[in-house]
Amino acid sequence: MNRTYSPRASDIERSWFVVDASGQRLGTLASRIAVVLEGKHKPTYATHMDSGDHVIVVNASRIDIGGNKGEQKKYSRHSGYPGGYREETLNHLLERRPEEVIRRAVKGMLPRNKLGVQQLRKLKVYAGTVHPHEAQMPEVLPGTTLTFDPADMKPASKPKAAQAPNVEPAPEPEIDETQVAAEAEAPEVEGTEAAPVAQSAAEAADAAAEPAEAATDTETTQEPEAEAADDEPEPEATGGSDK
């Protein structure tokens, strides 16, 4: 009895594909991309798992919408506030955000659940030819061709910083042994000269203190004289009654 094959998450191998949207019809391209995102092009496809590959769409601004759909098809949204209803045509959205035109077309062809949200994250859409996924080494999606040189998809390299010029270090001056010996003896000479300077400073401090001491001595001598003057008896007044 044969068992139904059910892939595991560890068995899924994802690839990267690049698609050029120049001159391609919007609906046809969106349905082709949705198949790759869901993984229906693989024999290991399972409806309950995300087994699809990554898709990079370039030149989204050059998509072909065909007929009068640019003015007939309208996109509407509402902010949730009174008077928040907005509506715009396909041509207006294509001029404003060409990536959103392809993303919305592909989103409408994926499941309306969490699985569809996970599959839509693998879609990368760019208005021009440059994309930042060069490290993933994407391959051209089978059944499609590129209308430009693949080298144009590489982002512009950043200019290298200018290198600083090599500056040679200055040569070290030669040391004279006699000069070093003279400098070693210099502190002793400075010490002998410092003693007279300290002595002169002490003498100046003593000279400044002498006037202060003399002033205090005069104040102490004046105080006893004042006290002696206060102790002298007052002369008695003489009147004519004694005669």
C-alpha atoms as a PDB file:
ATOM      1  CA  MET A   1       0.000   0.000   0.000  1.00  0.00           C
ATOM      2  CA  ASN A   2       1.408   3.346  -1.049  1.00  0.00           C
ATOM      3  CA  ARG A   3       1.492   6.192   1.462  1.00  0.00           C
ATOM      4  CA  THR A   4       0.713   9.774   0.598  1.00  0.00           C
ATOM      5  CA  TYR A   5       3.877  11.849   0.562  1.00  0.00           C
ATOM      6  CA  SER A   6       3.885  14.852   2.902  1.00  0.00           C
ATOM      7  CA  PRO A   7       6.949  17.109   2.794  1.00  0.00           C
ATOM      8  CA  ARG A   8       8.656  18.348   5.924  1.00  0.00           C
ATOM      9  CA  ALA A   9       9.870  21.863   6.522  1.00  0.00           C
ATOM     10  CA  SER A  10      13.476  20.633   6.482  1.00  0.00           C
ATOM     11  CA  ASP A  11      12.963  19.085   3.031  1.00  0.00           C
ATOM     12  CA  ILE A  12      11.989  22.345   1.347  1.00  0.00           C
ATOM     13  CA  GLU A  13      14.693  23.984  -0.777  1.00  0.00           C
ATOM     14  CA  ARG A  14      14.062  27.523  -1.917  1.00  0.00           C
ATOM     15  CA  SER A  15      15.535  29.200  -4.986  1.00  0.00           C
ATOM     16  CA  TRP A  16      15.704  32.813  -6.153  1.00  0.00           C
ATOM     17  CA  PHE A  17      14.343  33.909  -9.536  1.00  0.00           C
ATOM     18  CA  VAL A  18      14.370  37.275 -11.284  1.00  0.00           C
ATOM     19  CA  VAL A  19      11.651  38.446 -13.682  1.00  0.00           C
ATOM     20  CA  ASP A  20      11.755  41.390 -16.088  1.00  0.00           C
ATOM     21  CA  ALA A  21       8.320  43.057 -16.254  1.00  0.00           C
ATOM     22  CA  SER A  22       9.108  45.188 -19.320  1.00  0.00           C
ATOM     23  CA  GLY A  23       6.287  44.870 -21.874  1.00  0.00           C
ATOM     24  CA  GLN A  24       4.521  41.991 -20.083  1.00  0.00           C
ATOM     25  CA  ARG A  25       0.802  41.956 -19.361  1.00  0.00           C
ATOM     26  CA  LEU A  26      -0.054  42.561 -15.736  1.00  0.00           C
ATOM     27  CA  GLY A  27      -2.457  39.640 -15.246  1.00  0.00           C
ATOM     28  CA  THR A  28      -0.320  37.074 -17.097  1.00  0.00           C
ATOM     29  CA  LEU A  29       2.802  38.017 -15.161  1.00  0.00           C
ATOM     30  CA  ALA A  30       0.999  38.060 -11.801  1.00  0.00           C
ATOM     31  CA  SER A  31      -0.431  34.546 -12.315  1.00  0.00           C
ATOM     32  CA  ARG A  32       3.020  33.213 -13.268  1.00  0.00           C
ATOM     33  CA  ILE A  33       4.580  34.751 -10.171  1.00  0.00           C
ATOM     34  CA  ALA A  34       1.808  33.418  -7.899  1.00  0.00           C
ATOM     35  CA  VAL A  35       2.502  29.863  -9.061  1.00  0.00           C
ATOM     36  CA  VAL A  36       6.176  30.163  -8.146  1.00  0.00           C
ATOM     37  CA  LEU A  37       5.437  31.744  -4.762  1.00  0.00           C
ATOM     38  CA  GLU A  38       3.043  28.929  -3.825  1.00  0.00           C
ATOM     39  CA  GLY A  39       5.423  26.229  -5.041  1.00  0.00           C
ATOM     40  CA  LYS A  40       2.983  24.631  -7.474  1.00  0.00           C
ATOM     41  CA  HIS A  41       5.787  24.209 -10.000  1.00  0.00           C
ATOM     42  CA  LYS A  42       7.479  21.650  -7.685  1.00  0.00           C
ATOM     43  CA  PRO A  43       6.602  17.978  -7.262  1.00  0.00           C
ATOM     44  CA  THR A  44       6.827  18.484  -3.485  1.00  0.00           C
ATOM     45  CA  TYR A  45       3.927  20.976  -3.428  1.00  0.00           C
ATOM     46  CA  ALA A  46       1.604  20.746  -0.412  1.00  0.00           C
ATOM     47  CA  THR A  47      -1.476  22.870   0.154  1.00  0.00           C
ATOM     48  CA  HIS A  48      -0.806  23.338   3.862  1.00  0.00           C
ATOM     49  CA  MET A  49       2.844  24.388   3.574  1.00  0.00           C
ATOM     50  CA  ASP A  50       4.791  27.221   2.015  1.00  0.00           C
ATOM     51  CA  SER A  51       7.108  25.430  -0.380  1.00  0.00           C
ATOM     52  CA  GLY A  52       7.488  28.246  -2.921  1.00  0.00           C
ATOM     53  CA  ASP A  53      10.542  30.153  -4.107  1.00  0.00           C
ATOM     54  CA  HIS A  54      11.608  33.803  -3.934  1.00  0.00           C
ATOM     55  CA  VAL A  55      10.799  36.061  -6.892  1.00  0.00           C
ATOM     56  CA  ILE A  56      12.445  39.390  -7.761  1.00  0.00           C
ATOM     57  CA  VAL A  57      10.547  41.613 -10.204  1.00  0.00           C
ATOM     58  CA  VAL A  58      12.432  44.444 -11.908  1.00  0.00           C
ATOM     59  CA  ASN A  59      11.255  47.213 -14.267  1.00  0.00           C
ATOM     60  CA  ALA A  60       7.842  47.313 -12.608  1.00  0.00           C
ATOM     61  CA  SER A  61       7.246  50.805 -13.998  1.00  0.00           C
ATOM     62  CA  ARG A  62       7.323  49.404 -17.578  1.00  0.00           C
ATOM     63  CA  ILE A  63       4.509  46.875 -17.118  1.00  0.00           C
ATOM     64  CA  ASP A  64       1.843  46.633 -19.835  1.00  0.00           C
ATOM     65  CA  ILE A  65      -1.678  47.053 -18.477  1.00  0.00           C
ATOM     66  CA  GLY A  66      -3.416  46.881 -21.895  1.00  0.00           C
ATOM     67  CA  GLY A  67      -6.560  48.550 -23.231  1.00  0.00           C
ATOM     68  CA  ASN A  68      -8.343  51.230 -21.208  1.00  0.00           C
ATOM     69  CA  LYS A  69      -7.766  49.493 -17.916  1.00  0.00           C
ATOM     70  CA  GLY A  70      -5.553  52.342 -16.749  1.00  0.00           C
ATOM     71  CA  GLU A  71      -8.626  54.584 -16.404  1.00  0.00           C
ATOM     72  CA  GLN A  72     -11.293  51.941 -15.843  1.00  0.00           C
ATOM     73  CA  LYS A  73      -9.707  50.038 -12.960  1.00  0.00           C
ATOM     74  CA  LYS A  74      -9.804  51.881  -9.649  1.00  0.00           C
ATOM     75  CA  TYR A  75      -8.270  51.164  -6.268  1.00  0.00           C
ATOM     76  CA  SER A  76     -10.180  52.301  -3.197  1.00  0.00           C
ATOM     77  CA  ARG A  77      -9.351  52.449   0.496  1.00  0.00           C
ATOM     78  CA  HIS A  78     -10.807  53.918   3.667  1.00  0.00           C
ATOM     79  CA  SER A  79      -8.923  55.251   6.659  1.00  0.00           C
ATOM     80  CA  GLY A  80     -11.709  54.372   9.114  1.00  0.00           C
ATOM     81  CA  TYR A  81     -12.512  58.004   9.911  1.00  0.00           C
ATOM     82  CA  PRO A  82     -15.457  60.035   8.590  1.00  0.00           C
ATOM     83  CA  GLY A  83     -14.628  61.315   5.124  1.00  0.00           C
ATOM     84  CA  GLY A  84     -11.602  58.991   4.857  1.00  0.00           C
ATOM     85  CA  TYR A  85     -12.621  57.298   1.579  1.00  0.00           C
ATOM     86  CA  ARG A  86      -9.936  57.518  -1.125  1.00  0.00           C
ATOM     87  CA  GLU A  87      -9.995  56.306  -4.706  1.00  0.00           C
ATOM     88  CA  GLU A  88      -7.403  56.379  -7.486  1.00  0.00           C
ATOM     89  CA  THR A  89      -7.049  54.927 -10.956  1.00  0.00           C
ATOM     90  CA  LEU A  90      -4.534  52.331 -12.098  1.00  0.00           C
ATOM     91  CA  ASN A  91      -2.576  54.918 -14.090  1.00  0.00           C
ATOM     92  CA  HIS A  92      -2.262  57.172 -11.037  1.00  0.00           C
ATOM     93  CA  LEU A  93      -1.030  54.311  -8.838  1.00  0.00           C
ATOM     94  CA  LEU A  94       1.389  53.211 -11.559  1.00  0.00           C
ATOM     95  CA  GLU A  95       2.953  56.677 -11.599  1.00  0.00           C
ATOM     96  CA  ARG A  96       3.008  57.008  -7.817  1.00  0.00           C
ATOM     97  CA  ARG A  97       4.017  53.477  -6.755  1.00  0.00           C
ATOM     98  CA  PRO A  98       4.601  51.035  -9.643  1.00  0.00           C
ATOM     99  CA  GLU A  99       5.721  48.302  -7.227  1.00  0.00           C
ATOM    100  CA  GLU A 100       2.311  48.337  -5.540  1.00  0.00           C
ATOM    101  CA  VAL A 101       0.514  47.567  -8.809  1.00  0.00           C
ATOM    102  CA  ILE A 102       2.258  44.213  -9.223  1.00  0.00           C
ATOM    103  CA  ARG A 103       2.117  43.404  -5.513  1.00  0.00           C
ATOM    104  CA  ARG A 104      -1.653  43.887  -5.370  1.00  0.00           C
ATOM    105  CA  ALA A 105      -2.194  41.826  -8.527  1.00  0.00           C
ATOM    106  CA  VAL A 106      -0.171  38.931  -7.104  1.00  0.00           C
ATOM    107  CA  LYS A 107      -1.810  39.225  -3.682  1.00  0.00           C
ATOM    108  CA  GLY A 108      -5.238  38.700  -5.257  1.00  0.00           C
ATOM    109  CA  MET A 109      -4.078  35.319  -6.631  1.00  0.00           C
ATOM    110  CA  LEU A 110      -2.774  33.922  -3.313  1.00  0.00           C
ATOM    111  CA  PRO A 111      -4.749  32.300  -0.458  1.00  0.00           C
ATOM    112  CA  ARG A 112      -6.613  34.689   1.850  1.00  0.00           C
ATOM    113  CA  ASN A 113      -5.030  33.444   5.056  1.00  0.00           C
ATOM    114  CA  LYS A 114      -1.755  33.453   7.009  1.00  0.00           C
ATOM    115  CA  LEU A 115      -0.196  31.130   4.445  1.00  0.00           C
ATOM    116  CA  GLY A 116      -0.837  33.665   1.695  1.00  0.00           C
ATOM    117  CA  VAL A 117       0.733  36.430   3.777  1.00  0.00           C
ATOM    118  CA  GLN A 118       3.834  34.287   4.285  1.00  0.00           C
ATOM    119  CA  GLN A 119       4.072  33.546   0.573  1.00  0.00           C
ATOM    120  CA  LEU A 120       3.705  37.210  -0.361  1.00  0.00           C
ATOM    121  CA  ARG A 121       6.749  38.106   1.764  1.00  0.00           C
ATOM    122  CA  LYS A 122       8.950  36.256  -0.753  1.00  0.00           C
ATOM    123  CA  LEU A 123       8.004  38.726  -3.508  1.00  0.00           C
ATOM    124  CA  LYS A 124      10.455  41.612  -4.084  1.00  0.00           C
ATOM    125  CA  VAL A 125       9.374  44.275  -6.585  1.00  0.00           C
ATOM    126  CA  TYR A 126      11.514  47.187  -7.847  1.00  0.00           C
ATOM    127  CA  ALA A 127      10.630  49.978 -10.269  1.00  0.00           C
ATOM    128  CA  GLY A 128      14.047  49.932 -11.998  1.00  0.00           C
ATOM    129  CA  THR A 129      16.665  47.349 -12.864  1.00  0.00           C
ATOM    130  CA  VAL A 130      18.738  47.648  -9.687  1.00  0.00           C
ATOM    131  CA  HIS A 131      18.039  45.370  -6.720  1.00  0.00           C
ATOM    132  CA  PRO A 132      20.041  44.544  -3.549  1.00  0.00           C
ATOM    133  CA  HIS A 133      19.759  40.738  -3.849  1.00  0.00           C
ATOM    134  CA  GLU A 134      22.917  40.044  -5.790  1.00  0.00           C
ATOM    135  CA  ALA A 135      24.299  37.870  -2.981  1.00  0.00           C
ATOM    136  CA  GLN A 136      21.438  35.360  -3.515  1.00  0.00           C
ATOM    137  CA  MET A 137      22.566  34.842  -7.160  1.00  0.00           C
ATOM    138  CA  PRO A 138      19.039  34.804  -8.644  1.00  0.00           C
ATOM    139  CA  GLU A 139      18.343  32.958 -11.879  1.00  0.00           C
ATOM    140  CA  VAL A 140      16.098  34.091 -14.714  1.00  0.00           C
ATOM    141  CA  LEU A 141      12.644  32.593 -14.302  1.00  0.00           C
ATOM    142  CA  PRO A 142      12.067  29.861 -16.910  1.00  0.00           C
ATOM    143  CA  GLY A 143       9.858  31.096 -19.742  1.00  0.00           C
ATOM    144  CA  THR A 144      10.984  34.722 -19.348  1.00  0.00           C
ATOM    145  CA  THR A 145      13.887  36.765 -20.666  1.00  0.00           C
ATOM    146  CA  LEU A 146      15.761  39.870 -19.621  1.00  0.00           C
ATOM    147  CA  THR A 147      15.650  42.969 -21.830  1.00  0.00           C
ATOM    148  CA  PHE A 148      18.832  44.441 -20.331  1.00  0.00           C
ATOM    149  CA  ASP A 149      22.323  43.451 -19.329  1.00  0.00           C
ATOM    150  CA  PRO A 150      22.342  41.454 -16.048  1.00  0.00           C
ATOM    151  CA  ALA A 151      25.264  43.625 -14.895  1.00  0.00           C
ATOM    152  CA  ASP A 152      22.816  46.564 -14.664  1.00  0.00           C
ATOM    153  CA  MET A 153      21.066  44.869 -11.728  1.00  0.00           C
ATOM    154  CA  LYS A 154      24.061  45.415  -9.474  1.00  0.00           C
ATOM    155  CA  PRO A 155      23.780  48.414  -7.147  1.00  0.00           C
ATOM    156  CA  ALA A 156      26.312  51.187  -7.554  1.00  0.00           C
ATOM    157  CA  SER A 157      29.430  50.498  -5.521  1.00  0.00           C
ATOM    158  CA  LYS A 158      30.365  53.002  -2.850  1.00  0.00           C
ATOM    159  CA  PRO A 159      33.507  55.042  -3.559  1.00  0.00           C
ATOM    160  CA  LYS A 160      36.505  53.892  -1.585  1.00  0.00           C
ATOM    161  CA  ALA A 161      37.842  56.237   1.025  1.00  0.00           C
ATOM    162  CA  ALA A 162      41.093  57.949   0.124  1.00  0.00           C
ATOM    163  CA  GLN A 163      44.045  56.417   1.897  1.00  0.00           C
ATOM    164  CA  ALA A 164      46.076  58.692   4.099  1.00  0.00           C
ATOM    165  CA  PRO A 165      49.615  59.365   2.829  1.00  0.00           C
ATOM    166  CA  ASN A 166      52.384  57.456   4.532  1.00  0.00           C
ATOM    167  CA  VAL A 167      54.185  59.846   6.857  1.00  0.00           C
ATOM    168  CA  GLU A 168      57.644  58.807   7.946  1.00  0.00           C
ATOM    169  CA  PRO A 169      58.274  59.209  11.662  1.00  0.00           C
ATOM    170  CA  ALA A 170      60.699  61.962  12.674  1.00  0.00           C
ATOM    171  CA  PRO A 171      64.158  60.702  13.653  1.00  0.00           C
ATOM    172  CA  GLU A 172      64.843  60.611  17.376  1.00  0.00           C
ATOM    173  CA  PRO A 173      67.440  63.178  18.561  1.00  0.00           C
ATOM    174  CA  GLU A 174      70.766  61.866  19.696  1.00  0.00           C
ATOM    175  CA  ILE A 175      71.352  61.930  23.469  1.00  0.00           C
ATOM    176  CA  ASP A 176      74.591  63.430  24.763  1.00  0.00           C
ATOM    177  CA  GLU A 177      75.866  61.553  27.787  1.00  0.00           C
ATOM    178  CA  THR A 178      77.647  64.642  29.185  1.00  0.00           C
ATOM    179  CA  GLN A 179      74.395  66.631  29.026  1.00  0.00           C
ATOM    180  CA  VAL A 180      72.525  63.868  30.829  1.00  0.00           C
ATOM    181  CA  ALA A 181      75.134  63.848  33.585  1.00  0.00           C
ATOM    182  CA  ALA A 182      74.890  67.628  33.954  1.00  0.00           C
ATOM    183  CA  GLU A 183      71.090  67.453  34.220  1.00  0.00           C
ATOM    184  CA  ALA A 184      71.377  64.728  36.881  1.00  0.00           C
ATOM    185  CA  GLU A 185      73.515  67.057  39.045  1.00  0.00           C
ATOM    186  CA  ALA A 186      71.222  70.043  38.476  1.00  0.00           C
ATOM    187  CA  PRO A 187      68.739  69.280  41.335  1.00  0.00           C
ATOM    188  CA  GLU A 188      71.552  69.484  43.937  1.00  0.00           C
ATOM    189  CA  VAL A 189      72.563  72.969  42.754  1.00  0.00           C
ATOM    190  CA  GLU A 190      68.964  74.083  42.723  1.00  0.00           C
ATOM    191  CA  GLY A 191      68.612  72.845  46.322  1.00  0.00           C
ATOM    192  CA  THR A 192      71.550  74.958  47.523  1.00  0.00           C
ATOM    193  CA  GLU A 193      70.159  78.028  45.793  1.00  0.00           C
ATOM    194  CA  ALA A 194      66.723  77.418  47.239  1.00  0.00           C
ATOM    195  CA  ALA A 195      68.004  77.753  50.858  1.00  0.00           C
ATOM    196  CA  PRO A 196      68.872  81.498  50.601  1.00  0.00           C
ATOM    197  CA  VAL A 197      65.597  82.154  48.900  1.00  0.00           C
ATOM    198  CA  ALA A 198      63.690  80.449  51.733  1.00  0.00           C
ATOM    199  CA  GLN A 199      65.769  82.380  54.315  1.00  0.00           C
ATOM    200  CA  SER A 200      65.014  85.735  52.662  1.00  0.00           C
ATOM    201  CA  ALA A 201      61.308  84.870  52.596  1.00  0.00           C
ATOM    202  CA  ALA A 202      61.396  84.098  56.352  1.00  0.00           C
ATOM    203  CA  GLU A 203      63.133  87.415  57.050  1.00  0.00           C
ATOM    204  CA  ALA A 204      60.498  89.307  55.084  1.00  0.00           C
ATOM    205  CA  ALA A 205      57.752  87.584  57.095  1.00  0.00           C
ATOM    206  CA  ASP A 206      59.459  88.541  60.372  1.00  0.00           C
ATOM    207  CA  ALA A 207      59.826  92.147  59.232  1.00  0.00           C
ATOM    208  CA  ALA A 208      56.120  92.300  58.424  1.00  0.00           C
ATOM    209  CA  ALA A 209      55.270  90.866  61.843  1.00  0.00           C
ATOM    210  CA  GLU A 210      57.348  93.458  63.808  1.00  0.00           C
ATOM    211  CA  PRO A 211      55.063  96.483  63.083  1.00  0.00           C
ATOM    212  CA  ALA A 212      52.073  94.419  64.142  1.00  0.00           C
ATOM    213  CA  GLU A 213      53.725  93.539  67.444  1.00  0.00           C
ATOM    214  CA  ALA A 214      54.682  97.203  68.036  1.00  0.00           C
ATOM    215  CA  ALA A 215      51.086  98.245  67.445  1.00  0.00           C
ATOM    216  CA  THR A 216      49.863  95.723  69.988  1.00  0.00           C
ATOM    217  CA  ASP A 217      52.458  96.975  72.550  1.00  0.00           C
ATOM    218  CA  THR A 218      51.292 100.573  72.180  1.00  0.00           C
ATOM    219  CA  GLU A 219      47.698  99.511  72.668  1.00  0.00           C
ATOM    220  CA  THR A 220      48.608  97.660  75.901  1.00  0.00           C
ATOM    221  CA  THR A 221      50.526 100.705  77.274  1.00  0.00           C
ATOM    222  CA  GLN A 222      47.709 103.076  76.480  1.00  0.00           C
ATOM    223  CA  GLU A 223      45.170 100.992  78.372  1.00  0.00           C
ATOM    224  CA  PRO A 224      46.913 101.300  81.855  1.00  0.00           C
ATOM    225  CA  GLU A 225      47.310 105.079  81.376  1.00  0.00           C
ATOM    226  CA  ALA A 226      43.627 105.378  80.706  1.00  0.00           C
ATOM    227  CA  GLU A 227      42.839 103.372  83.807  1.00  0.00           C
ATOM    228  CA  ALA A 228      45.168 105.556  85.945  1.00  0.00           C
ATOM    229  CA  ALA A 229      43.448 108.668  84.688  1.00  0.00           C
ATOM    230  CA  ASP A 230      40.122 107.262  85.746  1.00  0.00           C
ATOM    231  CA  ASP A 231      41.431 106.541  89.317  1.00  0.00           C
ATOM    232  CA  GLU A 232      42.534 110.135  90.055  1.00  0.00           C
ATOM    233  CA  PRO A 233      40.124 111.934  92.565  1.00  0.00           C
ATOM    234  CA  GLU A 234      38.109 114.831  91.280  1.00  0.00           C
ATOM    235  CA  PRO A 235      39.028 118.266  92.814  1.00  0.00           C
ATOM    236  CA  GLU A 236      36.538 119.595  95.406  1.00  0.00           C
ATOM    237  CA  ALA A 237      34.732 122.783  94.608  1.00  0.00           C
ATOM    238  CA  THR A 238      35.463 125.752  96.981  1.00  0.00           C
ATOM    239  CA  GLY A 239      32.681 128.130  97.844  1.00  0.00           C
ATOM    240  CA  GLY A 240      32.263 131.520  99.761  1.00  0.00           C
ATOM    241  CA  SER A 241      30.548 129.901 102.773  1.00  0.00           C
ATOM    242  CA  ASP A 242      33.950 128.837 104.247  1.00  0.00           C
ATOM    243  CA  LYS A 243      34.970 132.441 104.903  1.00  0.00           C
END
